Amino acid sequence: VVGGGPAGIAAALSSGAAGARTILVDEQAEPGGSLLGDPDVRIDGEAAWTWLARALTELAERDNVTVLSRTTAIGYYHQNMVALAQRMTDHIAAPPEGLPRERLWHVRARTVILAQGTIERPLVFPSNDRPGVMLAGAAKAYLNRYGTLVGVRPVVVTNHNSAWYAAFDLAGAGATVGAIVEEREEVGRALMERAQSLGIHVLTGHTVVQAKGRCRVSAAIVRSVRGSARMTLDCDALLMSGGWTPSVHLFSHSRGTLNWSERVQAFLPDKTIERCLTVGGSNGTTSRAEAMREGSEAGATAASAAGFTATPRMFALEAPEGDEMASARPALLPAPKASKAFVDFQNDVTTRDI
């Protein structure tokens, strides 16, 4: 099982309980995925972090289950062979003598379950590389996982539901959210009422056209998507989200084909030549409850294929209303002649380049 988020853990719980030899792989220091940054979720009547600790303990206590954190699935080859790179000692100040820095695993699996989740999309606008401009999901993780407030006067700009919850969490932690700038003309009533109760100003039908500031972002210039009138919003952090892109890298590496989905505005796994099951966000599933159901059923299916009698585990999940990674409308792009607007931050690709 590649991916230790809700879907991947559900898959490992089902296959492990059936007795199948199971490996759960996650590249982070601790499994949990999106649950680590969202304590408001409840699973089986428990807070997400309490349920997560119990689930990981159950997996650790099973002799037939191996949980590998700090481990990246780096390749998916023919006949269901997956290569794993495990980081062994970089995080240890005084590593035990004889331990390698990394370990390479070659795993030949009867069934591979891909539960790699999604990647949050940035928005593209001039000067979107200023310090203090960051993904809304990152700001939420900084707050809920590490107790760090990324700004005391943030502005959130999005075309998608999930960024609203980042604004709500920051406001609850004491930040004064300057505004939620929403590209869509209409959003759910529950979101609007929650923002109003927290005193957050909402600008629907607007988007950001530039970030201001030199050493750190100091303001966001926004305008209506239907007009040219502009306004300046002072801020010390500009949090953006353009929706979520399913992680299909390993599926493609195994020569699986992709198909465009209008529903989620992204490419999704289509045909595979390997014995492979894709679940959760990487399969275009938009809610955690559905992702966990898919993962659990995939785990049971994989165990059955290995000759075990398996029954999917059922999970009761409660989340804030509308907290789903639903599809987002395509973000507006600035004209190429504008000042640098980065599309790919790592490789310095701007709108001029494309």
Protein backbone atom coordinates (compact mmCIF):
# COMPACT_ATOMS: atom_id res chain seq x y z
CA VAL A 1 0.00 0.00 0.00
CA VAL A 2 1.64 3.24 -1.17
CA GLY A 3 0.44 6.20 0.88
CA GLY A 4 -0.25 6.38 4.60
CA GLY A 5 -3.23 8.74 4.55
CA PRO A 6 -6.80 7.78 5.50
CA ALA A 7 -7.36 5.61 2.41
CA GLY A 8 -4.02 3.82 2.71
CA ILE A 9 -4.42 3.12 6.41
CA ALA A 10 -7.94 1.77 5.81
CA ALA A 11 -6.54 -0.54 3.12
CA ALA A 12 -3.78 -1.81 5.41
CA LEU A 13 -6.22 -2.40 8.27
CA SER A 14 -8.47 -4.56 6.08
CA SER A 15 -5.72 -6.60 4.45
CA GLY A 16 -3.78 -6.93 7.68
CA ALA A 17 -6.81 -8.14 9.63
CA ALA A 18 -7.38 -10.83 6.99
CA GLY A 19 -3.87 -12.17 7.57
CA ALA A 20 -2.25 -11.07 4.32
CA ARG A 21 1.35 -9.91 4.42
CA THR A 22 1.03 -6.16 4.04
CA ILE A 23 3.52 -3.31 3.66
CA LEU A 24 2.27 0.25 4.24
CA VAL A 25 4.63 2.88 2.84
CA ASP A 26 4.59 6.62 3.59
CA GLU A 27 7.27 9.15 2.71
CA GLN A 28 6.60 11.41 5.72
CA ALA A 29 8.06 11.01 9.20
CA GLU A 30 4.72 9.72 10.45
CA PRO A 31 1.73 8.23 8.63
CA GLY A 32 -1.62 9.99 8.70
CA GLY A 33 -1.66 12.17 5.61
CA SER A 34 -4.32 14.87 5.67
CA LEU A 35 -5.54 13.75 9.11
CA LEU A 36 -2.36 15.13 10.69
CA GLY A 37 -3.34 18.69 9.78
CA ASP A 38 -7.08 18.46 10.45
CA PRO A 39 -8.00 17.72 14.09
CA ASP A 40 -11.68 18.60 13.54
CA VAL A 41 -12.37 15.27 11.79
CA ARG A 42 -13.84 12.44 13.88
CA ILE A 43 -13.62 8.75 12.94
CA ASP A 44 -15.64 6.07 14.71
CA GLY A 45 -16.62 8.62 17.37
CA GLU A 46 -13.01 9.55 18.16
CA ALA A 47 -10.93 12.62 17.36
CA ALA A 48 -8.87 12.01 14.21
CA TRP A 49 -5.54 11.94 16.02
CA THR A 50 -6.85 9.51 18.67
CA TRP A 51 -8.20 7.18 15.98
CA LEU A 52 -4.96 7.49 14.02
CA ALA A 53 -2.82 6.52 17.01
CA ARG A 54 -5.05 3.50 17.69
CA ALA A 55 -5.00 2.40 14.04
CA LEU A 56 -1.20 2.65 13.79
CA THR A 57 -0.82 0.72 17.04
CA GLU A 58 -3.04 -2.04 15.66
CA LEU A 59 -0.93 -2.25 12.51
CA ALA A 60 2.34 -2.26 14.49
CA GLU A 61 1.14 -5.13 16.64
CA ARG A 62 0.38 -7.39 13.65
CA ASP A 63 3.26 -9.68 12.67
CA ASN A 64 2.07 -9.74 9.06
CA VAL A 65 2.11 -5.94 8.65
CA THR A 66 5.18 -3.74 8.08
CA VAL A 67 4.80 0.04 8.32
CA LEU A 68 7.62 1.98 6.64
CA SER A 69 7.68 5.72 7.30
CA ARG A 70 10.27 8.04 5.72
CA THR A 71 10.04 5.72 2.72
CA THR A 72 9.38 6.81 -0.86
CA ALA A 73 8.08 4.50 -3.58
CA ILE A 74 10.48 5.56 -6.33
CA GLY A 75 9.43 3.20 -9.11
CA TYR A 76 6.69 0.80 -10.21
CA TYR A 77 8.04 -1.83 -12.60
CA HIS A 78 6.77 -4.88 -14.51
CA GLN A 79 5.27 -7.86 -12.70
CA ASN A 80 4.21 -5.66 -9.77
CA MET A 81 7.69 -4.84 -8.54
CA VAL A 82 7.89 -1.61 -6.52
CA ALA A 83 11.19 0.01 -5.50
CA LEU A 84 11.23 1.74 -2.11
CA ALA A 85 13.88 4.13 -0.79
CA GLN A 86 13.85 4.20 3.02
CA ARG A 87 15.69 7.02 4.80
CA MET A 88 17.26 5.37 7.82
CA THR A 89 19.53 7.75 9.73
CA ASP A 90 19.38 11.33 8.41
CA HIS A 91 16.93 12.27 11.17
CA ILE A 92 19.00 10.71 13.97
CA ALA A 93 21.58 12.91 15.69
CA ALA A 94 23.76 9.95 16.76
CA PRO A 95 22.77 6.96 14.58
CA PRO A 96 23.65 3.45 15.80
CA GLU A 97 26.86 2.08 14.34
CA GLY A 98 26.37 -0.07 11.28
CA LEU A 99 23.06 1.37 10.14
CA PRO A 100 23.07 2.56 6.51
CA ARG A 101 21.97 6.04 5.60
CA GLU A 102 19.31 4.63 3.26
CA ARG A 103 17.91 1.23 2.44
CA LEU A 104 16.60 0.12 -0.95
CA TRP A 105 13.69 -2.32 -0.94
CA HIS A 106 12.61 -4.40 -3.95
CA VAL A 107 9.02 -5.49 -3.26
CA ARG A 108 7.20 -7.96 -5.50
CA ALA A 109 3.54 -7.73 -4.55
CA ARG A 110 0.51 -9.81 -5.46
CA THR A 111 -1.50 -6.57 -5.51
CA VAL A 112 -0.36 -2.95 -5.31
CA ILE A 113 -2.73 -0.39 -3.79
CA LEU A 114 -1.95 3.21 -4.71
CA ALA A 115 -3.31 5.67 -2.14
CA GLN A 116 -1.02 8.62 -2.80
CA GLY A 117 -3.60 11.33 -2.33
CA THR A 118 -3.48 14.71 -4.03
CA ILE A 119 -1.22 17.73 -4.45
CA GLU A 120 -2.57 21.21 -3.78
CA ARG A 121 -2.38 23.47 -6.81
CA PRO A 122 -0.93 26.96 -6.49
CA LEU A 123 -2.54 29.97 -8.14
CA VAL A 124 -0.59 31.77 -10.83
CA PHE A 125 -0.26 35.55 -10.50
CA PRO A 126 2.57 38.08 -10.71
CA SER A 127 5.05 37.95 -7.81
CA ASN A 128 3.57 34.73 -6.44
CA ASP A 129 7.07 33.77 -5.28
CA ARG A 130 7.25 36.44 -2.56
CA PRO A 131 8.08 35.13 0.94
CA GLY A 132 4.78 34.79 2.76
CA VAL A 133 2.89 33.56 -0.32
CA MET A 134 2.13 29.91 0.36
CA LEU A 135 -0.39 27.14 -0.09
CA ALA A 136 -3.42 27.29 2.20
CA GLY A 137 -2.95 23.62 3.09
CA ALA A 138 0.61 24.34 4.20
CA ALA A 139 -0.56 27.15 6.48
CA LYS A 140 -3.14 24.81 8.00
CA ALA A 141 -0.52 22.12 8.58
CA TYR A 142 1.90 24.61 10.15
CA LEU A 143 -0.83 25.63 12.58
CA ASN A 144 -2.41 22.30 13.49
CA ARG A 145 0.68 20.06 13.37
CA TYR A 146 3.39 22.41 14.57
CA GLY A 147 1.60 25.19 16.45
CA THR A 148 2.98 27.87 14.12
CA LEU A 149 0.90 30.80 12.91
CA VAL A 150 2.24 31.81 9.49
CA GLY A 151 0.80 35.32 9.75
CA VAL A 152 -1.32 37.52 11.97
CA ARG A 153 -2.98 39.36 9.05
CA PRO A 154 -3.42 36.70 6.34
CA VAL A 155 -5.52 36.94 3.19
CA VAL A 156 -6.81 33.74 1.61
CA VAL A 157 -7.38 33.53 -2.16
CA THR A 158 -8.96 30.46 -3.72
CA ASN A 159 -11.42 28.89 -6.12
CA HIS A 160 -12.08 25.93 -3.86
CA ASN A 161 -13.71 24.93 -0.55
CA SER A 162 -10.72 23.56 1.33
CA ALA A 163 -8.89 26.89 1.64
CA TRP A 164 -11.84 28.31 3.58
CA TYR A 165 -11.13 25.89 6.41
CA ALA A 166 -7.54 27.11 6.58
CA ALA A 167 -8.92 30.63 7.05
CA PHE A 168 -11.28 29.40 9.76
CA ASP A 169 -8.50 27.63 11.65
CA LEU A 170 -6.20 30.65 11.52
CA ALA A 171 -8.99 32.94 12.72
CA GLY A 172 -9.69 30.53 15.57
CA ALA A 173 -6.02 30.69 16.55
CA GLY A 174 -6.08 34.47 16.87
CA ALA A 175 -5.15 35.71 13.40
CA THR A 176 -7.12 38.56 11.85
CA VAL A 177 -8.03 37.19 8.42
CA GLY A 178 -8.23 40.21 6.13
CA ALA A 179 -10.47 38.53 3.59
CA ILE A 180 -11.31 35.33 1.75
CA VAL A 181 -10.99 36.17 -1.94
CA GLU A 182 -13.09 33.60 -3.79
CA GLU A 183 -13.00 33.31 -7.58
CA ARG A 184 -16.38 31.54 -7.72
CA GLU A 185 -19.50 33.68 -7.75
CA GLU A 186 -21.39 31.34 -5.41
CA VAL A 187 -20.30 29.15 -2.49
CA GLY A 188 -22.15 27.04 0.04
CA ARG A 189 -24.28 28.71 2.70
CA ALA A 190 -22.45 26.89 5.50
CA LEU A 191 -19.13 28.40 4.46
CA MET A 192 -20.55 31.92 4.23
CA GLU A 193 -22.22 31.66 7.63
CA ARG A 194 -19.06 30.33 9.25
CA ALA A 195 -17.01 33.18 7.78
CA GLN A 196 -19.56 35.72 8.96
CA SER A 197 -19.54 34.29 12.49
CA LEU A 198 -15.75 34.70 12.60
CA GLY A 199 -15.88 38.24 11.24
CA ILE A 200 -14.11 37.36 8.00
CA HIS A 201 -14.86 39.56 5.00
CA VAL A 202 -15.64 37.55 1.85
CA LEU A 203 -15.14 38.75 -1.72
CA THR A 204 -16.85 36.33 -4.12
CA GLY A 205 -16.26 36.64 -7.84
CA HIS A 206 -12.78 38.06 -7.20
CA THR A 207 -9.23 36.85 -7.68
CA VAL A 208 -5.71 38.04 -6.94
CA VAL A 209 -3.77 39.76 -9.71
CA GLN A 210 -0.53 40.58 -7.91
CA ALA A 211 1.34 40.24 -4.63
CA LYS A 212 3.11 43.29 -3.29
CA GLY A 213 6.16 43.44 -1.07
CA ARG A 214 9.90 43.02 -1.38
CA CYS A 215 11.42 40.96 1.44
CA ARG A 216 7.98 39.68 2.43
CA VAL A 217 4.48 39.98 1.03
CA SER A 218 2.80 43.14 2.32
CA ALA A 219 -0.41 43.32 0.28
CA ALA A 220 -2.52 41.56 -2.31
CA ILE A 221 -4.08 43.36 -5.25
CA VAL A 222 -7.41 41.77 -6.18
CA ARG A 223 -10.04 42.46 -8.81
CA SER A 224 -13.43 41.24 -9.91
CA VAL A 225 -13.34 38.40 -12.44
CA ARG A 226 -16.02 40.25 -14.44
CA GLY A 227 -14.59 43.75 -14.30
CA SER A 228 -11.38 45.74 -14.01
CA ALA A 229 -11.86 47.51 -10.67
CA ARG A 230 -9.02 46.71 -8.27
CA MET A 231 -8.49 46.95 -4.54
CA THR A 232 -5.50 46.48 -2.27
CA LEU A 233 -5.69 44.24 0.81
CA ASP A 234 -2.88 44.61 3.35
CA CYS A 235 -1.56 41.30 4.66
CA ASP A 236 1.53 39.59 6.03
CA ALA A 237 0.68 36.21 4.49
CA LEU A 238 -1.12 35.37 1.25
CA LEU A 239 -2.56 31.85 1.31
CA MET A 240 -3.62 30.34 -2.01
CA SER A 241 -5.34 27.21 -3.24
CA GLY A 242 -6.34 26.33 -6.78
CA GLY A 243 -7.79 22.92 -5.92
CA TRP A 244 -6.15 19.49 -5.80
CA THR A 245 -4.42 17.38 -8.42
CA PRO A 246 -4.49 13.56 -8.00
CA SER A 247 -1.05 11.95 -7.65
CA VAL A 248 -0.85 9.51 -10.56
CA HIS A 249 2.93 9.32 -10.98
CA LEU A 250 3.44 5.67 -10.01
CA PHE A 251 0.36 4.58 -11.90
CA SER A 252 1.78 6.18 -15.04
CA HIS A 253 5.21 4.67 -14.36
CA SER A 254 3.62 1.20 -14.46
CA ARG A 255 2.38 2.04 -18.00
CA GLY A 256 -1.12 2.74 -16.77
CA THR A 257 -3.10 5.10 -19.00
CA LEU A 258 -4.87 8.26 -17.84
CA ASN A 259 -8.21 9.77 -18.72
CA TRP A 260 -9.33 13.39 -18.31
CA SER A 261 -12.13 13.92 -15.78
CA GLU A 262 -14.34 16.97 -16.13
CA ARG A 263 -15.69 16.23 -12.66
CA VAL A 264 -12.39 16.88 -10.88
CA GLN A 265 -10.68 18.83 -13.67
CA ALA A 266 -7.69 16.50 -13.67
CA PHE A 267 -6.28 13.33 -15.18
CA LEU A 268 -7.29 10.11 -13.40
CA PRO A 269 -6.09 6.49 -13.65
CA ASP A 270 -7.79 4.56 -16.43
CA LYS A 271 -6.41 1.24 -17.72
CA THR A 272 -3.65 -0.72 -15.99
CA ILE A 273 -1.62 -3.71 -17.11
CA GLU A 274 -0.50 -4.53 -13.57
CA ARG A 275 -2.57 -5.93 -10.69
CA CYS A 276 -3.11 -2.48 -9.22
CA LEU A 277 -5.91 -0.71 -7.35
CA THR A 278 -6.03 3.08 -7.03
CA VAL A 279 -8.04 4.58 -4.17
CA GLY A 280 -8.78 7.87 -2.45
CA GLY A 281 -7.67 11.24 -3.71
CA SER A 282 -5.36 9.75 -6.34
CA ASN A 283 -8.46 8.14 -7.84
CA GLY A 284 -10.38 11.43 -7.88
CA THR A 285 -12.38 10.67 -4.74
CA THR A 286 -13.40 13.94 -3.14
CA SER A 287 -14.35 13.06 0.45
CA ARG A 288 -12.41 11.31 3.18
CA ALA A 289 -15.35 9.05 4.04
CA GLU A 290 -15.50 7.73 0.48
CA ALA A 291 -11.70 7.48 0.31
CA MET A 292 -11.62 5.31 3.44
CA ARG A 293 -14.40 3.11 2.08
CA GLU A 294 -12.49 2.65 -1.19
CA GLY A 295 -9.27 1.89 0.70
CA SER A 296 -10.94 -0.65 2.96
CA GLU A 297 -12.56 -2.46 0.04
CA ALA A 298 -9.28 -2.46 -1.89
CA GLY A 299 -7.46 -3.95 1.09
CA ALA A 300 -10.03 -6.73 1.36
CA THR A 301 -9.86 -7.35 -2.41
CA ALA A 302 -6.06 -7.58 -2.28
CA ALA A 303 -6.16 -10.01 0.64
CA SER A 304 -8.73 -12.17 -1.16
CA ALA A 305 -6.48 -12.27 -4.24
CA ALA A 306 -3.73 -13.63 -2.00
CA GLY A 307 -5.98 -16.45 -0.81
CA PHE A 308 -7.36 -15.01 2.42
CA THR A 309 -10.94 -14.57 3.57
CA ALA A 310 -11.37 -10.83 3.92
CA THR A 311 -14.13 -8.45 4.94
CA PRO A 312 -13.81 -4.68 4.41
CA ARG A 313 -13.65 -2.62 7.59
CA MET A 314 -16.34 0.04 7.91
CA PHE A 315 -15.56 3.51 9.28
CA ALA A 316 -17.93 6.24 10.46
CA LEU A 317 -16.43 9.61 9.62
CA GLU A 318 -17.64 13.06 10.66
CA ALA A 319 -16.19 16.21 9.11
CA PRO A 320 -17.19 19.89 8.89
CA GLU A 321 -19.95 20.38 6.34
CA GLY A 322 -18.59 20.84 2.85
CA ASP A 323 -15.06 19.80 3.81
CA GLU A 324 -14.41 18.00 0.55
CA MET A 325 -11.76 18.27 -2.13
CA ALA A 326 -14.34 18.85 -4.85
CA SER A 327 -13.42 20.11 -8.30
CA ALA A 328 -12.29 23.68 -8.74
CA ARG A 329 -12.90 25.85 -11.78
CA PRO A 330 -9.78 26.48 -13.88
CA ALA A 331 -7.86 29.40 -12.41
CA LEU A 332 -7.42 32.58 -14.39
CA LEU A 333 -3.91 33.09 -15.75
CA PRO A 334 -2.23 36.47 -16.12
CA ALA A 335 -1.05 37.67 -19.50
CA PRO A 336 2.49 36.51 -20.41
CA LYS A 337 3.70 40.11 -20.52
CA ALA A 338 3.02 40.52 -16.82
CA SER A 339 5.85 40.44 -14.30
CA LYS A 340 7.05 36.98 -13.30
CA ALA A 341 4.17 34.66 -12.43
CA PHE A 342 5.45 31.20 -11.55
CA VAL A 343 3.73 28.04 -12.73
CA ASP A 344 6.48 25.68 -11.51
CA PHE A 345 8.42 27.09 -8.56
CA GLN A 346 11.04 24.32 -8.43
CA ASN A 347 12.08 24.65 -12.08
CA ASP A 348 11.50 28.42 -12.43
CA VAL A 349 8.81 28.06 -15.11
CA THR A 350 6.70 31.19 -15.57
CA THR A 351 3.74 32.09 -17.76
CA ARG A 352 6.21 33.65 -20.19
CA ASP A 353 7.84 30.26 -20.69
CA ILE A 354 4.62 28.48 -21.60
